[in-house]
Amino acid sequence: MIGISKLYLGTVEASDPLRYGRLSNKLPSHMLQFSKDKKPVVVWNVTSRCNLKCEHCYAAVSGPQPELSTEQACTVLDDLAAFGCPVVLFSGGEPFARADLPELAEYAVSKGLRVVFSTNGTLITEEKAAAIKRIGASYVGISLDGREAAHDLFRRTPGAYKAALRAIRICRDTGIKVGLRVTITRDNVQEIPAIFDLMEAERVPRLCLYHLVYCGRGAEIAAQDLNVEERRRTVDLIIDRTARLHGLGFQTEVLTVDNHCDGPYLYLRMKREGNPRAEDALRLLRMNGGNSTGLGIGCISWDGTVYPDQFWRNKPLGNVLEKPFSEIWGNPPADSLLAQLRNRKPRLRGRCAHCRFLDICNGNFRARSEAATGSLWEPDPTCYLTDEEIAEE
């Protein structure tokens, strides 16, 4: 995640310790290797069931899939808490399709885990929001990909927009921190100004804008991804609209997700503009470390399979029913994919191998590289920096 509001405007945000405070003080910031002090945020796809058919869904499967029982899930939560994972993000499918989700969330909070939800919002009621508030969950992220026509088309379900907007208002009025989650393609990039307008009108304090990753149904719409010039214009628009909101006195947290070259691009823009925070932004980007697949983020699927992240679902690492997550994650063999992800620099090829921003990008998304090129280590095709921009100064 690239904190546009944090880096460009110098805001203080609740996620700062998570994003910038988990590096080992024994490691220089330029070293692209795993720190045992940096335990992963865990995205837990607790169910494959979903009431929508979103065109970009990374977790789409055919038919119902086996799920961990409540007892098995609580055992996993015990392990995650003991291992020191800072956050568990309940996702799906649609996580609220699972009846025991409030029970799992409450148990996770009782173990000291920070709990957040990623949801389409359509199943959130006043009663469920009250339960979320009572439990002490930290955040609910609700997907909203544009105005009504665009969102319902993207989600392939009439009425999805109205239900999501209702959920946003319910969470806000219940006192739950709520944010918007947007996946950007050519089908909805023109909706970004309207999304910022909605944030302002509804007083939504957080926005995450996701670059498309080519997996699941997302692989079927890869041709709808933005090209280089479209992506640069879009990131500039996001920066400009974030600055406008803050100029109006609305302190919104805005982040871009799943394309770490947004960080260098933002830094270079700040340099051109003479922004006095440019070098501090670069320092924070180095602290963040770039793409965190296999390092600072991991995934558990509905059947207990562990993956390097929620997108790379063709790379199983083990299963929590056979071995605890802490052992799978914490003690990978030297030749394993996890070990390679934690020391990428010698393996990266092409532009990545000699990019001066490698320490703040970490080679971007390997899952997207593999999907586009067939290789784990070729450059991510969504990097939009020019050869001149990545060259050593």
Protein backbone atom coordinates (compact mmCIF):
# COMPACT_ATOMS: atom_id res chain seq x y z
CA MET A 1 0.00 0.00 0.00
CA ILE A 2 1.21 3.49 -0.88
CA GLY A 3 -0.08 6.12 1.52
CA ILE A 4 -0.80 9.01 -0.84
CA SER A 5 -2.16 11.26 1.91
CA LYS A 6 0.63 10.34 4.33
CA LEU A 7 3.49 10.79 1.90
CA TYR A 8 2.25 13.75 -0.12
CA LEU A 9 0.62 15.74 2.67
CA GLY A 10 2.44 14.56 5.79
CA THR A 11 -0.68 13.43 7.64
CA VAL A 12 -0.59 11.29 10.78
CA GLU A 13 -2.65 8.15 10.25
CA ALA A 14 -3.74 5.18 12.33
CA SER A 15 -1.94 2.67 10.12
CA ASP A 16 1.45 4.42 10.36
CA PRO A 17 2.94 1.98 12.92
CA LEU A 18 1.84 -0.98 10.82
CA ARG A 19 3.18 0.45 7.56
CA TYR A 20 6.39 2.09 8.76
CA GLY A 21 7.14 0.70 12.20
CA ARG A 22 7.73 -3.03 11.73
CA LEU A 23 11.24 -3.12 10.33
CA SER A 24 14.00 -4.55 12.42
CA ASN A 25 16.35 -1.83 13.65
CA LYS A 26 19.18 -4.28 12.99
CA LEU A 27 18.60 -4.22 9.22
CA PRO A 28 19.63 -1.38 6.90
CA SER A 29 16.62 -0.15 4.93
CA HIS A 30 18.22 -1.07 1.60
CA MET A 31 18.50 -4.76 2.45
CA LEU A 32 15.77 -6.70 0.66
CA GLN A 33 15.58 -9.59 3.07
CA PHE A 34 13.07 -10.87 5.57
CA SER A 35 13.01 -9.46 9.08
CA LYS A 36 11.76 -11.87 11.72
CA ASP A 37 10.41 -8.81 13.55
CA LYS A 38 7.99 -8.18 10.69
CA LYS A 39 5.17 -10.64 11.21
CA PRO A 40 2.59 -10.76 8.45
CA VAL A 41 -0.83 -9.27 8.17
CA VAL A 42 -2.97 -12.31 7.37
CA VAL A 43 -5.73 -12.13 4.78
CA TRP A 44 -8.09 -14.95 5.68
CA ASN A 45 -10.56 -15.98 2.99
CA VAL A 46 -12.88 -17.63 5.50
CA THR A 47 -15.42 -18.73 2.88
CA SER A 48 -15.65 -19.17 -0.88
CA ARG A 49 -19.36 -18.35 -0.82
CA CYS A 50 -20.47 -15.03 -2.29
CA ASN A 51 -23.74 -13.44 -3.33
CA LEU A 52 -22.13 -11.41 -6.14
CA LYS A 53 -20.20 -12.34 -9.29
CA CYS A 54 -17.66 -9.53 -9.55
CA GLU A 55 -15.75 -9.40 -12.82
CA HIS A 56 -12.34 -8.99 -11.17
CA CYS A 57 -12.64 -11.45 -8.25
CA TYR A 58 -9.29 -13.07 -7.46
CA ALA A 59 -10.87 -15.83 -5.33
CA ALA A 60 -13.61 -16.98 -7.71
CA VAL A 61 -14.23 -20.75 -7.64
CA SER A 62 -16.90 -23.07 -8.97
CA GLY A 63 -19.29 -24.32 -6.33
CA PRO A 64 -19.02 -24.41 -2.53
CA GLN A 65 -15.63 -25.31 -1.09
CA PRO A 66 -14.66 -26.95 2.21
CA GLU A 67 -14.22 -24.52 5.12
CA LEU A 68 -12.49 -24.77 8.46
CA SER A 69 -14.89 -25.39 11.32
CA THR A 70 -15.34 -22.78 14.04
CA GLU A 71 -13.14 -24.83 16.38
CA GLN A 72 -10.42 -25.25 13.76
CA ALA A 73 -10.55 -21.54 12.94
CA CYS A 74 -10.14 -20.59 16.61
CA THR A 75 -7.08 -22.85 16.82
CA VAL A 76 -5.60 -20.97 13.86
CA LEU A 77 -6.35 -17.65 15.58
CA ASP A 78 -4.53 -18.88 18.70
CA ASP A 79 -1.49 -19.58 16.56
CA LEU A 80 -1.63 -16.25 14.71
CA ALA A 81 -1.83 -14.36 18.00
CA ALA A 82 1.03 -16.31 19.57
CA PHE A 83 3.14 -15.79 16.43
CA GLY A 84 2.66 -12.03 16.69
CA CYS A 85 0.60 -11.33 13.57
CA PRO A 86 -0.65 -7.75 13.98
CA VAL A 87 -3.84 -7.97 11.89
CA VAL A 88 -6.24 -10.57 10.58
CA LEU A 89 -8.32 -9.40 7.62
CA PHE A 90 -11.46 -11.47 7.16
CA SER A 91 -12.34 -11.74 3.48
CA GLY A 92 -13.97 -14.22 1.14
CA GLY A 93 -15.86 -14.82 -1.07
CA GLU A 94 -18.12 -12.66 1.03
CA PRO A 95 -17.04 -13.09 4.66
CA PHE A 96 -20.46 -12.17 6.06
CA ALA A 97 -21.90 -15.20 4.24
CA ARG A 98 -20.27 -17.21 7.02
CA ALA A 99 -22.63 -17.40 10.01
CA ASP A 100 -19.94 -17.68 12.68
CA LEU A 101 -17.94 -14.66 11.45
CA PRO A 102 -18.89 -12.48 14.47
CA GLU A 103 -17.81 -15.31 16.77
CA LEU A 104 -14.47 -15.65 14.99
CA ALA A 105 -13.92 -11.89 15.02
CA GLU A 106 -14.72 -11.65 18.72
CA TYR A 107 -12.34 -14.50 19.50
CA ALA A 108 -9.58 -12.86 17.45
CA VAL A 109 -10.00 -9.56 19.29
CA SER A 110 -9.91 -11.38 22.62
CA LYS A 111 -6.51 -12.78 21.61
CA GLY A 112 -5.13 -9.31 20.91
CA LEU A 113 -5.41 -9.39 17.13
CA ARG A 114 -6.57 -6.33 15.25
CA VAL A 115 -9.59 -7.37 13.17
CA VAL A 116 -10.66 -5.82 9.87
CA PHE A 117 -13.18 -6.89 7.24
CA SER A 118 -13.13 -6.75 3.44
CA THR A 119 -16.70 -7.03 2.20
CA ASN A 120 -19.06 -6.12 -0.61
CA GLY A 121 -21.32 -4.70 2.10
CA THR A 122 -24.55 -6.17 0.83
CA LEU A 123 -25.10 -8.42 3.86
CA ILE A 124 -24.37 -5.80 6.53
CA THR A 125 -27.41 -4.90 8.60
CA GLU A 126 -27.89 -2.67 11.64
CA GLU A 127 -27.68 -5.78 13.81
CA LYS A 128 -24.42 -6.97 12.26
CA ALA A 129 -22.94 -3.48 12.51
CA ALA A 130 -23.86 -3.34 16.19
CA ALA A 131 -22.10 -6.68 16.69
CA ILE A 132 -18.99 -5.41 14.87
CA LYS A 133 -18.96 -2.33 17.07
CA ARG A 134 -19.44 -4.36 20.25
CA ILE A 135 -16.66 -6.77 19.34
CA GLY A 136 -14.20 -3.93 18.86
CA ALA A 137 -13.23 -4.62 15.25
CA SER A 138 -11.00 -1.90 13.85
CA TYR A 139 -12.27 -1.32 10.33
CA VAL A 140 -14.71 -2.35 7.61
CA GLY A 141 -13.62 -1.90 4.00
CA ILE A 142 -16.55 -1.91 1.57
CA SER A 143 -16.10 -2.32 -2.17
CA LEU A 144 -17.55 0.47 -4.30
CA ASP A 145 -16.33 0.73 -7.87
CA GLY A 146 -18.17 3.82 -9.06
CA ARG A 147 -21.66 5.24 -9.32
CA GLU A 148 -24.67 2.96 -9.44
CA ALA A 149 -24.57 1.89 -13.09
CA ALA A 150 -20.81 1.30 -13.12
CA HIS A 151 -20.76 -0.50 -9.78
CA ASP A 152 -23.67 -2.83 -10.56
CA LEU A 153 -22.09 -3.69 -13.92
CA PHE A 154 -18.71 -4.34 -12.28
CA ARG A 155 -20.37 -6.50 -9.62
CA ARG A 156 -22.70 -8.16 -12.17
CA THR A 157 -25.63 -7.71 -9.79
CA PRO A 158 -28.42 -5.12 -9.96
CA GLY A 159 -28.91 -3.42 -6.60
CA ALA A 160 -25.35 -4.02 -5.41
CA TYR A 161 -24.62 -0.29 -5.30
CA LYS A 162 -27.64 0.61 -3.19
CA ALA A 163 -26.86 -2.20 -0.75
CA ALA A 164 -23.18 -1.19 -0.47
CA LEU A 165 -24.04 2.48 0.08
CA ARG A 166 -26.54 1.50 2.74
CA ALA A 167 -23.84 -0.55 4.49
CA ILE A 168 -21.42 2.38 4.37
CA ARG A 169 -23.98 4.60 6.06
CA ILE A 170 -24.91 1.96 8.63
CA CYS A 171 -21.26 1.45 9.63
CA ARG A 172 -20.60 5.19 9.77
CA ASP A 173 -23.68 5.89 11.85
CA THR A 174 -22.85 2.99 14.19
CA GLY A 175 -19.46 4.52 14.89
CA ILE A 176 -17.40 1.97 12.96
CA LYS A 177 -14.47 3.19 10.89
CA VAL A 178 -15.44 2.45 7.30
CA GLY A 179 -13.63 2.90 4.01
CA LEU A 180 -14.09 2.38 0.30
CA ARG A 181 -12.23 -0.20 -1.79
CA VAL A 182 -12.00 0.42 -5.54
CA THR A 183 -10.40 -1.79 -8.20
CA ILE A 184 -9.41 0.32 -11.21
CA THR A 185 -9.85 -0.80 -14.81
CA ARG A 186 -10.74 1.01 -18.03
CA ASP A 187 -14.37 0.18 -17.27
CA ASN A 188 -14.49 2.42 -14.20
CA VAL A 189 -11.44 4.71 -14.20
CA GLN A 190 -13.72 7.60 -15.18
CA GLU A 191 -15.62 7.01 -11.92
CA ILE A 192 -12.74 8.10 -9.69
CA PRO A 193 -13.82 11.76 -9.39
CA ALA A 194 -17.33 10.60 -8.42
CA ILE A 195 -15.87 8.31 -5.78
CA PHE A 196 -13.97 11.21 -4.24
CA ASP A 197 -17.19 13.27 -4.36
CA LEU A 198 -19.00 10.47 -2.54
CA MET A 199 -16.31 10.32 0.13
CA GLU A 200 -16.73 14.02 0.75
CA ALA A 201 -20.53 13.88 0.79
CA GLU A 202 -20.72 10.82 3.04
CA ARG A 203 -17.74 11.74 5.23
CA VAL A 204 -15.94 8.47 4.55
CA PRO A 205 -12.48 8.65 6.18
CA ARG A 206 -10.54 6.13 4.08
CA LEU A 207 -10.13 5.12 0.43
CA CYS A 208 -8.05 2.30 -1.05
CA LEU A 209 -7.67 2.25 -4.84
CA TYR A 210 -6.44 -1.11 -6.15
CA HIS A 211 -4.53 -1.78 -9.34
CA LEU A 212 -5.79 -4.90 -11.10
CA VAL A 213 -3.99 -8.19 -10.44
CA TYR A 214 -4.34 -10.83 -13.15
CA CYS A 215 -5.67 -13.80 -11.21
CA GLY A 216 -9.04 -15.45 -10.77
CA ARG A 217 -11.60 -13.57 -12.86
CA GLY A 218 -9.12 -10.70 -12.95
CA ALA A 219 -7.08 -12.72 -15.46
CA GLU A 220 -10.08 -12.69 -17.81
CA ILE A 221 -10.15 -8.87 -17.92
CA ALA A 222 -6.40 -8.20 -18.08
CA ALA A 223 -6.95 -6.48 -21.44
CA GLN A 224 -9.06 -3.89 -19.58
CA ASP A 225 -6.12 -2.88 -17.40
CA LEU A 226 -4.73 0.64 -17.78
CA ASN A 227 -1.79 1.30 -20.08
CA VAL A 228 1.26 3.30 -19.02
CA GLU A 229 -0.08 6.76 -19.84
CA GLU A 230 -3.53 6.01 -18.44
CA ARG A 231 -1.95 4.80 -15.21
CA ARG A 232 0.22 7.89 -14.81
CA ARG A 233 -2.77 10.18 -15.40
CA THR A 234 -4.84 8.18 -12.95
CA VAL A 235 -2.27 8.33 -10.17
CA ASP A 236 -1.90 12.08 -10.74
CA LEU A 237 -5.67 12.43 -10.48
CA ILE A 238 -5.69 10.50 -7.20
CA ILE A 239 -2.95 12.74 -5.81
CA ASP A 240 -4.75 15.89 -6.92
CA ARG A 241 -8.10 14.84 -5.51
CA THR A 242 -6.51 13.80 -2.22
CA ALA A 243 -4.87 17.22 -1.92
CA ARG A 244 -8.18 18.90 -2.74
CA LEU A 245 -10.00 17.00 0.03
CA HIS A 246 -7.37 17.98 2.55
CA GLY A 247 -7.51 21.56 1.34
CA LEU A 248 -11.21 21.52 2.24
CA GLY A 249 -10.31 20.39 5.75
CA PHE A 250 -11.39 16.75 5.29
CA GLN A 251 -8.51 14.62 6.59
CA THR A 252 -9.07 11.47 4.54
CA GLU A 253 -6.58 8.59 4.35
CA VAL A 254 -6.04 7.70 0.68
CA LEU A 255 -3.92 4.76 -0.43
CA THR A 256 -3.12 3.03 -3.70
CA VAL A 257 -2.67 -0.72 -3.54
CA ASP A 258 -0.97 -3.49 -5.53
CA ASN A 259 1.44 -1.39 -7.59
CA HIS A 260 4.48 -0.26 -5.68
CA CYS A 261 5.90 1.90 -8.45
CA ASP A 262 3.26 4.41 -7.30
CA GLY A 263 5.76 5.22 -4.54
CA PRO A 264 8.67 6.33 -6.74
CA TYR A 265 6.25 8.08 -9.07
CA LEU A 266 4.86 10.09 -6.17
CA TYR A 267 8.38 10.89 -4.94
CA LEU A 268 9.49 12.08 -8.38
CA ARG A 269 6.44 14.29 -8.66
CA MET A 270 7.14 15.76 -5.22
CA LYS A 271 10.72 16.49 -6.34
CA ARG A 272 9.51 18.27 -9.47
CA GLU A 273 7.11 20.34 -7.42
CA GLY A 274 9.75 21.26 -4.86
CA ASN A 275 7.71 19.64 -2.11
CA PRO A 276 9.74 19.95 1.12
CA ARG A 277 8.48 16.55 2.24
CA ALA A 278 9.98 14.70 -0.76
CA GLU A 279 13.03 13.27 1.01
CA ASP A 280 10.97 12.34 4.07
CA ALA A 281 8.54 10.54 1.76
CA LEU A 282 11.46 8.61 0.24
CA ARG A 283 12.66 7.64 3.71
CA LEU A 284 9.19 6.35 4.62
CA LEU A 285 8.93 4.42 1.37
CA ARG A 286 12.23 2.71 2.17
CA MET A 287 10.96 1.88 5.64
CA ASN A 288 7.83 0.38 4.10
CA GLY A 289 9.97 -1.83 1.87
CA GLY A 290 7.68 -2.24 -1.13
CA ASN A 291 5.80 -5.35 -2.14
CA SER A 292 5.35 -7.57 0.88
CA THR A 293 4.23 -10.87 -0.65
CA GLY A 294 5.71 -13.64 1.46
CA LEU A 295 7.06 -11.14 3.99
CA GLY A 296 4.58 -8.76 5.58
CA ILE A 297 1.41 -10.26 4.14
CA GLY A 298 0.19 -13.82 3.83
CA CYS A 299 -3.05 -15.61 3.08
CA ILE A 300 -5.07 -18.47 4.52
CA SER A 301 -7.80 -19.90 2.33
CA TRP A 302 -11.18 -21.33 3.34
CA ASP A 303 -9.79 -24.89 3.46
CA GLY A 304 -6.69 -23.89 5.47
CA THR A 305 -4.22 -23.66 2.58
CA VAL A 306 -1.55 -21.01 3.09
CA TYR A 307 -0.42 -18.80 0.19
CA PRO A 308 2.26 -16.08 -0.15
CA ASP A 309 -0.54 -13.53 -0.63
CA GLN A 310 -4.23 -13.55 -1.43
CA PHE A 311 -3.66 -13.32 -5.20
CA TRP A 312 -1.02 -15.98 -5.78
CA ARG A 313 -3.34 -18.93 -5.31
CA ASN A 314 -1.39 -21.32 -7.54
CA LYS A 315 1.47 -21.33 -5.02
CA PRO A 316 0.34 -23.31 -1.95
CA LEU A 317 2.84 -23.34 0.92
CA GLY A 318 1.12 -25.82 3.22
CA ASN A 319 -2.09 -26.21 5.19
CA VAL A 320 -2.87 -25.10 8.75
CA LEU A 321 -4.69 -28.41 9.36
CA GLU A 322 -1.36 -30.18 8.93
CA LYS A 323 1.10 -27.62 10.29
CA PRO A 324 0.56 -24.32 12.16
CA PHE A 325 0.76 -21.14 10.12
CA SER A 326 3.63 -19.98 12.33
CA GLU A 327 5.74 -22.98 11.29
CA ILE A 328 4.85 -22.74 7.61
CA TRP A 329 5.65 -19.02 7.57
CA GLY A 330 8.47 -18.80 10.05
CA ASN A 331 10.69 -21.70 9.00
CA PRO A 332 10.68 -22.07 5.21
CA PRO A 333 13.33 -24.28 3.57
CA ALA A 334 16.24 -22.36 2.03
CA ASP A 335 15.20 -23.24 -1.53
CA SER A 336 11.48 -22.56 -1.01
CA LEU A 337 9.41 -19.87 -2.71
CA LEU A 338 9.07 -18.01 0.60
CA ALA A 339 12.83 -17.89 1.05
CA GLN A 340 13.25 -16.64 -2.53
CA LEU A 341 10.62 -13.94 -2.05
CA ARG A 342 12.49 -12.75 1.02
CA ASN A 343 15.68 -12.29 -0.96
CA ARG A 344 14.54 -11.21 -4.44
CA LYS A 345 17.32 -8.93 -5.56
CA PRO A 346 19.62 -11.62 -7.06
CA ARG A 347 16.68 -13.15 -8.97
CA LEU A 348 14.96 -10.15 -10.51
CA ARG A 349 15.56 -9.61 -14.21
CA GLY A 350 15.29 -6.87 -16.79
CA ARG A 351 14.52 -3.33 -15.63
CA CYS A 352 13.98 -4.45 -12.04
CA ALA A 353 17.53 -5.73 -11.68
CA HIS A 354 19.07 -2.27 -12.13
CA CYS A 355 16.26 0.01 -10.97
CA ARG A 356 17.36 2.62 -8.44
CA PHE A 357 13.99 2.30 -6.69
CA LEU A 358 14.22 -1.43 -6.05
CA ASP A 359 14.55 -0.89 -2.32
CA ILE A 360 11.20 0.89 -2.17
CA CYS A 361 9.34 -1.31 -4.67
CA ASN A 362 10.86 -4.76 -4.03
CA GLY A 363 10.12 -5.88 -7.56
CA ASN A 364 6.37 -5.19 -7.38
CA PHE A 365 3.88 -8.06 -7.85
CA ARG A 366 5.45 -11.38 -8.73
CA ALA A 367 2.00 -12.95 -9.24
CA ARG A 368 1.24 -10.38 -11.94
CA SER A 369 4.66 -10.90 -13.52
CA GLU A 370 4.09 -14.64 -13.70
CA ALA A 371 0.58 -14.20 -15.09
CA ALA A 372 1.78 -11.82 -17.81
CA THR A 373 5.16 -13.33 -18.73
CA GLY A 374 5.18 -16.90 -17.44
CA SER A 375 8.20 -16.07 -15.26
CA LEU A 376 8.38 -15.34 -11.54
CA TRP A 377 11.23 -12.88 -11.94
CA GLU A 378 10.58 -10.82 -15.08
CA PRO A 379 9.49 -7.19 -14.52
CA ASP A 380 5.91 -6.51 -13.49
CA PRO A 381 4.28 -5.21 -16.72
CA THR A 382 2.31 -2.56 -14.81
CA CYS A 383 5.45 -0.62 -13.86
CA TYR A 384 4.98 2.72 -15.63
CA LEU A 385 8.25 4.44 -14.73
CA THR A 386 10.40 5.43 -17.70
CA ASP A 387 13.92 4.12 -18.26
CA GLU A 388 15.21 7.59 -17.44
CA GLU A 389 13.28 7.66 -14.16
CA ILE A 390 14.66 4.34 -12.93
CA ALA A 391 18.27 5.07 -13.97
CA GLU A 392 20.80 5.90 -11.30
CA GLU A 393 21.21 9.64 -10.77
